Amino acid sequence: MDSPNLTGHALQTNAQRGGVIENIYIRNLAVGEVSGAVLQIDCLYEEGANGPERPVVHNIEVRNVSSRKSR
């Protein structure tokens, strides 16, 4: 993975979408150059907190990940 204009991995949800993001495993990943983070979790994506749902994010594992250049 090497793209200076992108984020590595993005998990996105908000109060309109709700739902659960769970059981995400990122292992043995070599990232070249990305403009943002290697992993970004955004619970206020687009519509943000405007909605009746409550996003839930749990059981995220990141192991053995390297990055040549990232935030």
N, C-alpha and C. Protein backbone atom coordinates (compact mmCIF):
# COMPACT_ATOMS: atom_id res chain seq x y z
N MET A 1 0.86 -1.16 0.00
CA MET A 1 0.00 0.00 0.00
C MET A 1 0.90 1.22 0.00
N ASP A 2 0.74 2.05 -1.00
CA ASP A 2 1.58 3.24 -1.10
C ASP A 2 0.83 4.28 -1.91
N SER A 3 0.25 5.27 -1.25
CA SER A 3 -0.44 6.35 -1.95
C SER A 3 -0.38 7.61 -1.09
N PRO A 4 0.45 8.57 -1.47
CA PRO A 4 0.63 9.77 -0.65
C PRO A 4 -0.61 10.65 -0.54
N ASN A 5 -1.68 10.34 -1.25
CA ASN A 5 -2.90 11.14 -1.20
C ASN A 5 -4.04 10.49 -0.42
N LEU A 6 -3.82 9.32 0.14
CA LEU A 6 -4.90 8.60 0.81
C LEU A 6 -4.55 8.25 2.25
N THR A 7 -5.59 7.92 3.02
CA THR A 7 -5.43 7.36 4.36
C THR A 7 -5.26 5.86 4.19
N GLY A 8 -4.58 5.22 5.11
CA GLY A 8 -4.38 3.77 5.05
C GLY A 8 -5.69 3.01 5.03
N HIS A 9 -6.34 2.88 6.18
CA HIS A 9 -7.62 2.20 6.31
C HIS A 9 -8.56 3.15 7.05
N ALA A 10 -9.79 3.29 6.59
CA ALA A 10 -10.75 4.17 7.24
C ALA A 10 -12.02 3.38 7.57
N LEU A 11 -12.42 3.42 8.84
CA LEU A 11 -13.68 2.84 9.30
C LEU A 11 -14.57 4.02 9.62
N GLN A 12 -15.71 4.13 8.92
CA GLN A 12 -16.54 5.32 9.04
C GLN A 12 -17.99 4.97 9.34
N THR A 13 -18.58 5.70 10.28
CA THR A 13 -19.99 5.55 10.62
C THR A 13 -20.45 6.87 11.22
N ASN A 14 -21.74 6.98 11.51
CA ASN A 14 -22.27 8.18 12.15
C ASN A 14 -23.62 7.87 12.78
N ALA A 15 -24.25 8.89 13.36
CA ALA A 15 -25.52 8.70 14.07
C ALA A 15 -26.70 8.45 13.13
N GLN A 16 -26.56 8.73 11.84
CA GLN A 16 -27.60 8.38 10.86
C GLN A 16 -27.51 6.90 10.51
N ARG A 17 -26.29 6.40 10.35
CA ARG A 17 -26.06 5.01 9.96
C ARG A 17 -26.17 4.07 11.14
N GLY A 18 -25.56 4.48 12.26
CA GLY A 18 -25.54 3.61 13.44
C GLY A 18 -24.82 2.31 13.14
N GLY A 19 -25.27 1.26 13.77
CA GLY A 19 -24.71 -0.05 13.52
C GLY A 19 -23.45 -0.32 14.32
N VAL A 20 -22.83 -1.43 14.01
CA VAL A 20 -21.66 -1.90 14.74
C VAL A 20 -20.52 -2.17 13.75
N ILE A 21 -19.35 -1.67 14.09
CA ILE A 21 -18.13 -2.05 13.39
C ILE A 21 -17.36 -2.90 14.39
N GLU A 22 -17.14 -4.16 14.06
CA GLU A 22 -16.48 -5.04 15.03
C GLU A 22 -15.67 -6.11 14.32
N ASN A 23 -14.79 -6.70 15.11
CA ASN A 23 -13.97 -7.82 14.65
C ASN A 23 -13.17 -7.48 13.40
N ILE A 24 -12.41 -6.39 13.49
CA ILE A 24 -11.54 -5.97 12.40
C ILE A 24 -10.11 -6.32 12.80
N TYR A 25 -9.44 -7.08 11.97
CA TYR A 25 -8.08 -7.52 12.26
C TYR A 25 -7.16 -7.06 11.13
N ILE A 26 -6.20 -6.23 11.46
CA ILE A 26 -5.21 -5.78 10.48
C ILE A 26 -3.87 -6.30 10.97
N ARG A 27 -3.30 -7.21 10.20
CA ARG A 27 -2.06 -7.88 10.63
C ARG A 27 -1.07 -7.95 9.48
N ASN A 28 0.22 -7.86 9.85
CA ASN A 28 1.30 -8.07 8.89
C ASN A 28 1.15 -7.20 7.65
N LEU A 29 1.05 -5.89 7.89
CA LEU A 29 0.84 -4.94 6.80
C LEU A 29 2.01 -3.97 6.73
N ALA A 30 2.56 -3.82 5.56
CA ALA A 30 3.61 -2.83 5.33
C ALA A 30 3.02 -1.71 4.49
N VAL A 31 2.96 -0.53 5.07
CA VAL A 31 2.41 0.64 4.40
C VAL A 31 3.57 1.49 3.94
N GLY A 32 3.53 1.94 2.71
CA GLY A 32 4.57 2.83 2.22
C GLY A 32 4.33 4.23 2.73
N GLU A 33 3.79 5.09 1.88
CA GLU A 33 3.50 6.48 2.25
C GLU A 33 2.01 6.74 2.09
N VAL A 34 1.36 7.25 3.14
CA VAL A 34 -0.03 7.69 3.09
C VAL A 34 -0.10 9.07 3.72
N SER A 35 -1.07 9.89 3.29
CA SER A 35 -1.14 11.26 3.78
C SER A 35 -1.69 11.34 5.20
N GLY A 36 -2.57 10.43 5.55
CA GLY A 36 -3.17 10.46 6.87
C GLY A 36 -2.62 9.36 7.75
N ALA A 37 -3.49 8.85 8.58
CA ALA A 37 -3.11 7.78 9.50
C ALA A 37 -3.15 6.43 8.79
N VAL A 38 -2.47 5.46 9.35
CA VAL A 38 -2.54 4.09 8.83
C VAL A 38 -3.94 3.53 9.09
N LEU A 39 -4.54 3.88 10.23
CA LEU A 39 -5.91 3.48 10.57
C LEU A 39 -6.64 4.69 11.13
N GLN A 40 -7.79 5.00 10.55
CA GLN A 40 -8.62 6.10 11.03
C GLN A 40 -10.00 5.56 11.33
N ILE A 41 -10.51 5.83 12.54
CA ILE A 41 -11.86 5.43 12.92
C ILE A 41 -12.65 6.71 13.15
N ASP A 42 -13.70 6.92 12.35
CA ASP A 42 -14.48 8.15 12.40
C ASP A 42 -15.94 7.82 12.68
N CYS A 43 -16.40 8.13 13.88
CA CYS A 43 -17.80 7.88 14.26
C CYS A 43 -18.69 9.09 13.97
N LEU A 44 -18.13 10.15 13.42
CA LEU A 44 -18.90 11.35 13.07
C LEU A 44 -18.80 11.64 11.57
N TYR A 45 -18.68 10.61 10.76
CA TYR A 45 -18.51 10.76 9.32
C TYR A 45 -19.72 11.43 8.68
N GLU A 46 -19.51 12.36 7.81
CA GLU A 46 -20.51 13.13 7.06
C GLU A 46 -21.59 13.74 7.97
N GLU A 47 -22.71 13.09 8.22
CA GLU A 47 -23.80 13.67 9.00
C GLU A 47 -23.43 13.86 10.47
N GLY A 48 -22.40 13.20 10.93
CA GLY A 48 -21.91 13.37 12.29
C GLY A 48 -22.85 12.86 13.35
N ALA A 49 -23.08 13.67 14.38
CA ALA A 49 -23.89 13.27 15.53
C ALA A 49 -25.38 13.50 15.29
N ASN A 50 -25.77 14.00 14.12
CA ASN A 50 -27.17 14.31 13.83
C ASN A 50 -27.92 13.06 13.39
N GLY A 51 -28.49 12.36 14.36
CA GLY A 51 -29.25 11.16 14.04
C GLY A 51 -29.61 10.40 15.29
N PRO A 52 -30.52 9.44 15.16
CA PRO A 52 -31.02 8.70 16.32
C PRO A 52 -30.16 7.50 16.73
N GLU A 53 -29.23 7.11 15.90
CA GLU A 53 -28.46 5.89 16.17
C GLU A 53 -27.17 6.21 16.92
N ARG A 54 -26.65 5.20 17.58
CA ARG A 54 -25.37 5.34 18.29
C ARG A 54 -24.39 4.34 17.69
N PRO A 55 -23.39 4.81 16.97
CA PRO A 55 -22.41 3.89 16.40
C PRO A 55 -21.62 3.18 17.51
N VAL A 56 -21.31 1.94 17.28
CA VAL A 56 -20.52 1.15 18.22
C VAL A 56 -19.33 0.58 17.46
N VAL A 57 -18.14 0.77 18.02
CA VAL A 57 -16.92 0.23 17.43
C VAL A 57 -16.18 -0.53 18.51
N HIS A 58 -15.91 -1.81 18.28
CA HIS A 58 -15.14 -2.57 19.26
C HIS A 58 -14.46 -3.77 18.62
N ASN A 59 -13.49 -4.30 19.34
CA ASN A 59 -12.70 -5.45 18.93
C ASN A 59 -11.93 -5.18 17.64
N ILE A 60 -11.10 -4.15 17.68
CA ILE A 60 -10.23 -3.80 16.56
C ILE A 60 -8.80 -4.18 16.96
N GLU A 61 -8.16 -5.00 16.16
CA GLU A 61 -6.79 -5.43 16.47
C GLU A 61 -5.85 -5.03 15.34
N VAL A 62 -4.79 -4.33 15.70
CA VAL A 62 -3.76 -3.95 14.74
C VAL A 62 -2.45 -4.54 15.25
N ARG A 63 -1.84 -5.40 14.45
CA ARG A 63 -0.63 -6.10 14.89
C ARG A 63 0.37 -6.19 13.75
N ASN A 64 1.62 -5.91 14.07
CA ASN A 64 2.72 -6.03 13.12
C ASN A 64 2.47 -5.19 11.87
N VAL A 65 2.22 -3.89 12.10
CA VAL A 65 1.99 -2.95 11.00
C VAL A 65 3.13 -1.93 11.01
N SER A 66 3.72 -1.71 9.85
CA SER A 66 4.78 -0.70 9.75
C SER A 66 4.39 0.32 8.67
N SER A 67 4.94 1.52 8.82
CA SER A 67 4.67 2.58 7.86
C SER A 67 5.95 3.34 7.58
N ARG A 68 6.23 3.54 6.31
CA ARG A 68 7.40 4.32 5.93
C ARG A 68 7.15 5.80 6.21
N LYS A 69 5.92 6.29 5.89
CA LYS A 69 5.58 7.68 6.17
C LYS A 69 4.06 7.81 6.31
N SER A 70 3.63 8.29 7.49
CA SER A 70 2.21 8.51 7.76
C SER A 70 2.10 9.42 8.98
N ARG A 71 0.88 9.87 9.26
CA ARG A 71 0.68 10.69 10.45
C ARG A 71 0.41 9.81 11.64
